[in-house]
Amino acid sequence: MVITCDVLVVGAGPAGLGAAITSSKKGLKTILVEKSSEIGYPVKSSGLTWKEVVDDWNLPDRVISQWTSSFYIYSAHSDREVEIDFGRVVGGTLNFHIFLQELAFQAIRRGTKIILSERASEPIMDGDFVCGVKTASGDKIKSKIVIDCSGSSAIIAKKAGLIPPNWNVELGIGFEYEMLNYKVRNPNAIEFYVGEKEIVPVSYAWVFPTGKDRARVGVSTVLNTIEEIEKKSIRYYEDRFLSKESPIYERVKDAQPFEMHTGAYSLGGMLNKIYSNGLMVAGDSASQASMLVGEGIRYALEFGKRAAETAFDAIKDNDLSEDYLKMYQEKCEEYLGETFEVAADLLDVPTDEYWEALIDSFILMKENRNLELVLKYLKTDMTREEAKKLFPSFEGKYL
């Protein structure tokens, strides 16, 4: 069977749904193919996002399990802690599958055709132009533009030659349980737990409350790092974070998991080229996630939207070439500014030195009531000059 459309989106994650909503809203005939049988499953993200994301995408409150107005960090290395209360709601822990389903409803209402349980297997090529995809079931979906949002597999971008087949960007790996009977410290606070030897070698552990006695409790680290790590199992670090030696043990000891989530995010920063003839790449496929805290949802939505806006302009001007689609990359880079470059510099700081400097700065920012700079850090929205204010000891050394 052959189907035709203006825009074909591969993958129903935040990037794909953001692209489909925008493309359909602009009047383009849009098809989205998703390999899973249900949108929103399996859950691969803790799903923390910011209030403006919920507002900007006109989402109902039910997509949020618990609103957040406070940030807490504890260093097991130095036994120090600090909590920043922003005095207002700044974000929330998503009910992730409901969040994706609500986005899918928006796409469908605007005219997107969603095909479930269908895997895009390879691009349809016309010379060096991508002009659709073949599916695992043998169908062909021909389109003027393909937007690949298939996650880190980047199936179409790899087979079209945009991304090398052996692309092996450094990945952060996350694992969490959602648990009942967890003794929540503060329902409105997200919590980070850090320490190179005590918690994880790189990155952090977290507690994201989803209710008065419910929380997502997890860890993330980098398992393919060049540092020598004795244990290379994310389950090992999760089990250790729940053990008697953990700073949260008294809160978690009677809790029981009822969901388990695991996933990966790129630490490499956005790819140098995210477009080719007839093709754009968005979300994890383009490595468009924050390197500081692993946040990807906001970026995926924004860049999916920008890809669809570029597709609309390209189709209107009848130019699907990579020379025209280059504007998509320019739009993404304009949105990011230098924030990802700053994040990459901070990743070079040794783990405990980094976290101790952050806690020092947060204590000072709390005393001076400079909470917006703390929020900019959490959102990976810092310019280089703002990062130097937050990490004065790093100026000239890492920054």
Protein backbone atom coordinates (compact mmCIF):
# COMPACT_ATOMS: atom_id res chain seq x y z
CA MET A 1 0.00 0.00 0.00
CA VAL A 2 1.22 3.51 -0.81
CA ILE A 3 0.11 6.52 1.26
CA THR A 4 1.02 10.13 0.51
CA CYS A 5 1.28 13.20 2.73
CA ASP A 6 3.08 16.51 3.05
CA VAL A 7 4.96 15.76 6.26
CA LEU A 8 5.82 12.38 7.71
CA VAL A 9 6.87 12.28 11.36
CA VAL A 10 8.62 9.21 12.76
CA GLY A 11 8.07 8.66 16.50
CA ALA A 12 5.39 9.81 18.95
CA GLY A 13 7.63 11.19 21.68
CA PRO A 14 7.61 14.88 22.61
CA ALA A 15 9.60 15.89 19.50
CA GLY A 16 7.39 13.95 17.11
CA LEU A 17 4.17 15.16 18.69
CA GLY A 18 5.41 18.76 18.80
CA ALA A 19 6.20 18.49 15.09
CA ALA A 20 2.85 16.88 14.23
CA ILE A 21 0.83 19.47 16.16
CA THR A 22 2.64 22.33 14.46
CA SER A 23 2.58 20.80 10.98
CA SER A 24 -1.15 20.02 11.14
CA LYS A 25 -1.92 23.42 12.65
CA LYS A 26 -0.32 25.00 9.59
CA GLY A 27 -2.60 23.00 7.29
CA LEU A 28 -0.11 20.40 6.08
CA LYS A 29 -1.31 16.83 5.57
CA THR A 30 0.61 15.06 8.33
CA ILE A 31 1.15 11.39 9.15
CA LEU A 32 2.91 10.19 12.29
CA VAL A 33 4.11 6.58 12.62
CA GLU A 34 4.81 5.10 16.05
CA LYS A 35 6.30 1.67 16.67
CA SER A 36 4.50 1.13 20.01
CA SER A 37 0.89 0.07 20.28
CA GLU A 38 0.12 2.84 22.81
CA ILE A 39 1.27 6.45 22.95
CA GLY A 40 3.06 7.18 26.22
CA TYR A 41 4.25 3.64 26.93
CA PRO A 42 6.70 2.39 27.96
CA VAL A 43 7.69 5.34 30.17
CA LYS A 44 11.35 6.18 29.63
CA SER A 45 11.56 9.48 31.50
CA SER A 46 11.09 10.88 34.98
CA GLY A 47 9.21 13.60 33.19
CA LEU A 48 10.19 16.68 35.15
CA THR A 49 9.37 19.80 33.16
CA TRP A 50 8.74 23.51 33.61
CA LYS A 51 5.45 25.33 34.10
CA GLU A 52 5.85 27.32 30.89
CA VAL A 53 5.93 24.07 28.91
CA VAL A 54 2.49 23.14 30.25
CA ASP A 55 1.20 26.66 29.60
CA ASP A 56 2.78 27.15 26.16
CA TRP A 57 1.37 23.86 24.85
CA ASN A 58 -2.09 24.44 26.37
CA LEU A 59 -2.00 21.28 28.44
CA PRO A 60 -4.46 20.49 31.24
CA ASP A 61 -3.32 20.27 34.85
CA ARG A 62 -3.90 16.52 34.82
CA VAL A 63 -0.61 16.03 32.96
CA ILE A 64 1.16 17.00 36.22
CA SER A 65 1.41 14.49 39.05
CA GLN A 66 2.91 17.03 41.47
CA TRP A 67 3.75 20.71 41.09
CA THR A 68 7.20 21.90 42.17
CA SER A 69 8.15 25.17 43.90
CA SER A 70 11.38 24.15 45.62
CA PHE A 71 14.74 22.55 44.85
CA TYR A 72 16.83 20.58 47.37
CA ILE A 73 20.35 19.21 46.96
CA TYR A 74 22.34 17.05 49.38
CA SER A 75 26.01 16.15 49.01
CA ALA A 76 26.92 12.83 50.58
CA HIS A 77 30.57 13.72 49.95
CA SER A 78 30.52 16.61 52.44
CA ASP A 79 27.24 15.96 54.29
CA ARG A 80 25.96 19.40 53.26
CA GLU A 81 22.55 20.41 51.97
CA VAL A 82 20.61 23.42 50.78
CA GLU A 83 17.00 23.99 49.73
CA ILE A 84 15.86 26.82 47.50
CA ASP A 85 12.19 27.81 47.77
CA PHE A 86 11.26 29.86 44.71
CA GLY A 87 8.04 31.09 46.29
CA ARG A 88 6.01 30.06 43.25
CA VAL A 89 5.34 27.03 41.10
CA VAL A 90 8.22 26.65 38.63
CA GLY A 91 7.53 23.20 37.21
CA GLY A 92 6.21 19.77 37.98
CA THR A 93 6.61 16.03 37.71
CA LEU A 94 4.68 14.84 34.69
CA ASN A 95 2.24 12.01 34.50
CA PHE A 96 4.23 11.12 31.42
CA HIS A 97 1.89 8.88 29.46
CA ILE A 98 -1.04 11.28 30.01
CA PHE A 99 1.23 14.15 28.92
CA LEU A 100 2.04 12.42 25.62
CA GLN A 101 -1.56 11.38 25.08
CA GLU A 102 -2.77 14.97 25.55
CA LEU A 103 -0.24 16.10 22.95
CA ALA A 104 -1.46 13.32 20.64
CA PHE A 105 -5.06 14.52 21.13
CA GLN A 106 -4.00 17.99 19.98
CA ALA A 107 -2.33 16.55 16.88
CA ILE A 108 -5.34 14.38 16.04
CA ARG A 109 -7.80 17.25 16.51
CA ARG A 110 -5.75 19.34 14.07
CA GLY A 111 -5.81 16.56 11.48
CA THR A 112 -2.73 14.39 12.05
CA LYS A 113 -3.17 10.74 11.11
CA ILE A 114 -1.38 8.57 13.69
CA ILE A 115 -0.46 5.01 12.73
CA LEU A 116 0.37 2.81 15.75
CA SER A 117 2.34 -0.45 15.88
CA GLU A 118 4.17 0.52 12.73
CA ARG A 119 7.93 0.71 12.51
CA ALA A 120 9.64 2.93 9.95
CA SER A 121 12.34 0.65 8.56
CA GLU A 122 14.16 2.69 5.93
CA PRO A 123 13.90 5.89 3.89
CA ILE A 124 12.51 6.07 0.38
CA MET A 125 15.15 7.84 -1.69
CA ASP A 126 14.90 9.80 -4.92
CA GLY A 127 18.55 10.33 -5.74
CA ASP A 128 19.92 11.97 -2.60
CA PHE A 129 16.51 13.25 -1.44
CA VAL A 130 14.48 11.53 1.28
CA CYS A 131 10.89 11.39 0.05
CA GLY A 132 9.19 9.07 2.54
CA VAL A 133 9.73 5.83 4.42
CA LYS A 134 9.14 2.14 4.00
CA THR A 135 7.56 0.41 6.98
CA ALA A 136 8.30 -2.96 8.51
CA SER A 137 4.90 -4.19 7.28
CA GLY A 138 5.85 -3.38 3.67
CA ASP A 139 3.85 -0.20 3.17
CA LYS A 140 5.28 2.95 1.62
CA ILE A 141 4.49 6.39 2.98
CA LYS A 142 5.59 9.07 0.54
CA SER A 143 6.03 12.62 1.75
CA LYS A 144 7.57 15.94 0.81
CA ILE A 145 9.44 16.15 4.14
CA VAL A 146 10.38 13.53 6.75
CA ILE A 147 11.01 14.58 10.37
CA ASP A 148 12.89 11.81 12.19
CA CYS A 149 12.02 11.80 15.90
CA SER A 150 12.74 8.12 16.47
CA GLY A 151 14.93 8.64 19.53
CA SER A 152 18.57 7.67 19.91
CA SER A 153 18.15 4.97 17.24
CA ALA A 154 17.67 7.76 14.63
CA ILE A 155 16.64 5.01 12.24
CA ILE A 156 15.86 7.12 9.16
CA ALA A 157 18.69 9.64 9.64
CA LYS A 158 21.22 6.81 9.90
CA LYS A 159 19.96 4.91 6.87
CA ALA A 160 19.78 8.12 4.84
CA GLY A 161 23.43 8.80 5.64
CA LEU A 162 22.87 11.94 7.72
CA ILE A 163 24.15 10.24 10.88
CA PRO A 164 26.89 7.58 10.73
CA PRO A 165 25.50 4.07 11.40
CA ASN A 166 28.11 3.57 14.16
CA TRP A 167 27.28 6.91 15.82
CA ASN A 168 28.12 6.37 19.49
CA VAL A 169 27.49 9.53 21.45
CA GLU A 170 28.19 9.41 25.18
CA LEU A 171 24.95 8.54 26.97
CA GLY A 172 23.59 9.18 30.41
CA ILE A 173 21.64 6.17 31.68
CA GLY A 174 18.73 6.59 34.09
CA PHE A 175 16.73 4.14 36.20
CA GLU A 176 13.94 4.82 38.67
CA TYR A 177 11.12 3.26 40.62
CA GLU A 178 7.84 5.01 41.25
CA MET A 179 7.08 4.02 44.81
CA LEU A 180 4.19 4.01 47.26
CA ASN A 181 4.63 4.52 51.02
CA TYR A 182 7.65 6.73 50.46
CA LYS A 183 7.94 9.24 53.32
CA VAL A 184 8.06 12.41 51.25
CA ARG A 185 10.24 15.11 52.80
CA ASN A 186 8.52 18.00 50.99
CA PRO A 187 5.84 17.26 48.37
CA ASN A 188 6.66 20.48 46.50
CA ALA A 189 10.43 19.93 46.29
CA ILE A 190 12.46 17.99 43.78
CA GLU A 191 15.56 16.51 45.39
CA PHE A 192 19.06 15.78 44.07
CA TYR A 193 21.57 13.58 45.89
CA VAL A 194 25.19 13.78 44.79
CA GLY A 195 28.61 12.36 45.63
CA GLU A 196 31.05 10.60 43.34
CA LYS A 197 31.75 7.61 45.58
CA GLU A 198 28.66 7.70 47.79
CA ILE A 199 25.88 8.11 45.20
CA VAL A 200 27.03 7.69 41.57
CA PRO A 201 30.41 8.27 39.85
CA VAL A 202 28.97 10.90 37.46
CA SER A 203 25.59 12.70 37.65
CA TYR A 204 23.12 12.34 40.54
CA ALA A 205 20.25 10.51 42.21
CA TRP A 206 16.82 12.04 42.68
CA VAL A 207 13.50 11.98 44.45
CA PHE A 208 10.61 13.53 42.53
CA PRO A 209 7.41 13.47 44.63
CA THR A 210 4.23 12.47 42.82
CA GLY A 211 1.97 12.73 45.89
CA LYS A 212 2.07 12.84 49.68
CA ASP A 213 3.26 9.26 49.97
CA ARG A 214 4.46 8.61 46.41
CA ALA A 215 7.71 9.45 44.68
CA ARG A 216 9.94 8.60 41.76
CA VAL A 217 13.26 7.51 43.19
CA GLY A 218 16.09 7.05 40.74
CA VAL A 219 19.69 7.42 39.67
CA SER A 220 21.56 8.36 36.52
CA THR A 221 25.18 8.03 35.58
CA VAL A 222 27.47 7.64 32.57
CA LEU A 223 28.44 4.02 32.05
CA ASN A 224 30.59 4.42 28.92
CA THR A 225 32.77 7.12 30.43
CA ILE A 226 36.56 6.95 30.27
CA GLU A 227 36.76 7.06 34.06
CA GLU A 228 37.34 3.72 35.71
CA ILE A 229 34.09 2.62 37.31
CA GLU A 230 34.09 -0.61 39.25
CA LYS A 231 30.39 -1.32 38.82
CA LYS A 232 28.85 -0.73 35.41
CA SER A 233 25.21 -1.58 36.12
CA ILE A 234 22.60 1.11 36.62
CA ARG A 235 20.59 -1.31 38.77
CA TYR A 236 23.59 -1.59 41.10
CA TYR A 237 23.49 2.16 41.77
CA GLU A 238 19.71 2.19 42.17
CA ASP A 239 19.89 -0.64 44.70
CA ARG A 240 22.65 1.18 46.56
CA PHE A 241 20.58 4.37 46.68
CA LEU A 242 17.78 2.39 48.36
CA SER A 243 20.10 0.58 50.80
CA LYS A 244 20.79 1.15 54.52
CA GLU A 245 23.84 3.27 53.64
CA SER A 246 21.71 5.71 51.64
CA PRO A 247 20.83 9.22 52.91
CA ILE A 248 17.16 8.47 52.06
CA TYR A 249 16.97 5.03 53.71
CA GLU A 250 14.63 6.03 56.55
CA ARG A 251 12.22 7.50 53.99
CA VAL A 252 12.37 4.66 51.47
CA LYS A 253 12.72 1.57 53.66
CA ASP A 254 8.97 0.84 53.80
CA ALA A 255 8.20 1.95 50.24
CA GLN A 256 7.21 -0.42 47.45
CA PRO A 257 7.71 0.14 43.71
CA PHE A 258 4.70 -0.07 41.41
CA GLU A 259 6.38 1.18 38.20
CA MET A 260 9.90 0.92 36.83
CA HIS A 261 11.30 3.36 34.25
CA THR A 262 14.63 3.32 32.44
CA GLY A 263 16.03 5.38 29.60
CA ALA A 264 19.06 7.12 28.12
CA TYR A 265 19.91 10.68 27.10
CA SER A 266 22.75 12.15 25.09
CA LEU A 267 25.60 14.08 26.70
CA GLY A 268 27.15 15.14 23.43
CA GLY A 269 25.19 18.31 22.70
CA MET A 270 23.19 18.95 19.56
CA LEU A 271 24.56 17.36 16.38
CA ASN A 272 26.52 19.58 14.03
CA LYS A 273 24.11 18.81 11.18
CA ILE A 274 20.46 17.92 11.73
CA TYR A 275 19.10 18.26 8.20
CA SER A 276 19.64 16.91 4.69
CA ASN A 277 17.62 16.88 1.46
CA GLY A 278 14.01 16.24 2.47
CA LEU A 279 14.91 15.30 6.04
CA MET A 280 15.17 16.91 9.48
CA VAL A 281 15.99 15.30 12.81
CA ALA A 282 14.62 16.39 16.20
CA GLY A 283 14.70 15.37 19.87
CA ASP A 284 16.98 12.56 21.03
CA SER A 285 17.65 11.68 17.38
CA ALA A 286 19.49 15.02 17.15
CA SER A 287 20.99 14.82 20.65
CA GLN A 288 18.93 17.83 21.72
CA ALA A 289 18.89 17.40 25.50
CA SER A 290 20.43 19.28 28.41
CA MET A 291 23.80 17.89 29.40
CA LEU A 292 23.55 19.32 32.92
CA VAL A 293 20.41 17.66 34.27
CA GLY A 294 19.33 15.42 31.40
CA GLU A 295 16.25 17.48 30.58
CA GLY A 296 14.98 16.69 27.11
CA ILE A 297 11.21 17.27 27.00
CA ARG A 298 11.22 21.04 26.58
CA TYR A 299 13.90 20.90 23.88
CA ALA A 300 12.19 18.06 22.03
CA LEU A 301 8.92 19.98 21.83
CA GLU A 302 10.60 23.21 20.80
CA PHE A 303 12.77 21.65 18.10
CA GLY A 304 9.97 19.44 16.80
CA LYS A 305 7.97 22.65 16.42
CA ARG A 306 10.84 24.40 14.63
CA ALA A 307 11.30 21.46 12.26
CA ALA A 308 7.61 21.61 11.32
CA GLU A 309 7.74 25.39 10.84
CA THR A 310 10.72 24.92 8.52
CA ALA A 311 8.86 22.16 6.65
CA PHE A 312 5.92 24.53 6.10
CA ASP A 313 8.19 27.23 4.67
CA ALA A 314 10.07 24.73 2.47
CA ILE A 315 6.88 23.28 1.00
CA LYS A 316 5.41 26.75 0.45
CA ASP A 317 8.58 27.82 -1.40
CA ASN A 318 8.87 24.47 -3.19
CA ASP A 319 12.45 23.97 -2.02
CA LEU A 320 13.11 20.79 -0.01
CA SER A 321 16.88 20.92 -0.41
CA GLU A 322 19.31 20.87 2.47
CA ASP A 323 20.40 24.39 1.49
CA TYR A 324 16.89 25.55 2.39
CA LEU A 325 16.40 23.26 5.40
CA LYS A 326 19.61 24.60 6.93
CA MET A 327 17.42 27.31 8.45
CA TYR A 328 16.09 24.65 10.85
CA GLN A 329 19.53 24.25 12.40
CA GLU A 330 19.91 28.02 12.55
CA LYS A 331 16.59 28.32 14.39
CA CYS A 332 17.69 25.68 16.92
CA GLU A 333 21.06 27.31 17.50
CA GLU A 334 19.40 30.70 17.94
CA TYR A 335 17.11 29.19 20.59
CA LEU A 336 20.02 27.61 22.48
CA GLY A 337 22.43 30.52 22.27
CA GLU A 338 25.58 29.52 24.16
CA THR A 339 23.79 27.55 26.88
CA PHE A 340 24.79 24.08 25.65
CA GLU A 341 28.41 25.22 25.20
CA VAL A 342 28.44 26.37 28.83
CA ALA A 343 26.94 23.05 29.93
CA ALA A 344 29.62 21.14 28.02
CA ASP A 345 32.35 23.15 29.79
CA LEU A 346 30.85 22.33 33.19
CA LEU A 347 30.84 18.63 32.36
CA ASP A 348 34.65 18.78 32.34
CA VAL A 349 34.74 19.65 36.05
CA PRO A 350 35.58 16.69 38.35
CA THR A 351 32.39 15.44 39.97
CA ASP A 352 32.79 16.35 43.64
CA GLU A 353 34.51 19.66 42.89
CA TYR A 354 31.56 20.56 40.69
CA TRP A 355 28.84 19.66 43.19
CA GLU A 356 30.57 21.30 46.16
CA ALA A 357 31.01 24.53 44.17
CA LEU A 358 27.33 24.36 43.21
CA ILE A 359 26.22 23.97 46.83
CA ASP A 360 28.49 26.87 47.85
CA SER A 361 26.87 29.02 45.19
CA PHE A 362 23.32 27.98 46.02
CA ILE A 363 23.85 28.87 49.68
CA LEU A 364 25.16 32.29 48.63
CA MET A 365 22.35 32.81 46.12
CA LYS A 366 19.80 31.92 48.79
CA GLU A 367 21.31 34.46 51.20
CA ASN A 368 21.33 37.14 48.49
CA ARG A 369 17.86 36.16 47.20
CA ASN A 370 19.27 35.71 43.69
CA LEU A 371 16.96 32.79 42.99
CA GLU A 372 16.49 33.45 39.29
CA LEU A 373 20.11 32.49 38.63
CA VAL A 374 19.50 29.20 40.43
CA LEU A 375 16.50 28.62 38.20
CA LYS A 376 18.54 29.44 35.11
CA TYR A 377 21.03 26.77 36.16
CA LEU A 378 18.30 24.16 36.60
CA LYS A 379 16.91 25.04 33.18
CA THR A 380 20.35 25.04 31.48
CA ASP A 381 19.62 28.63 30.48
CA MET A 382 22.89 30.19 31.65
CA THR A 383 25.08 32.40 29.51
CA ARG A 384 28.82 32.13 30.10
CA GLU A 385 28.81 35.30 32.19
CA GLU A 386 25.95 33.97 34.34
CA ALA A 387 27.80 30.67 34.80
CA LYS A 388 30.84 32.60 36.03
CA LYS A 389 28.65 34.35 38.62
CA LEU A 390 27.34 30.99 39.79
CA PHE A 391 30.75 29.28 39.70
CA PRO A 392 33.31 32.04 40.40
CA SER A 393 36.03 29.52 41.27
CA PHE A 394 35.75 28.02 37.76
CA GLU A 395 36.49 31.23 35.86
CA GLY A 396 39.68 30.85 33.86
CA LYS A 397 39.90 27.19 34.85
CA TYR A 398 36.82 25.55 33.34
CA LEU A 399 34.85 28.57 32.13
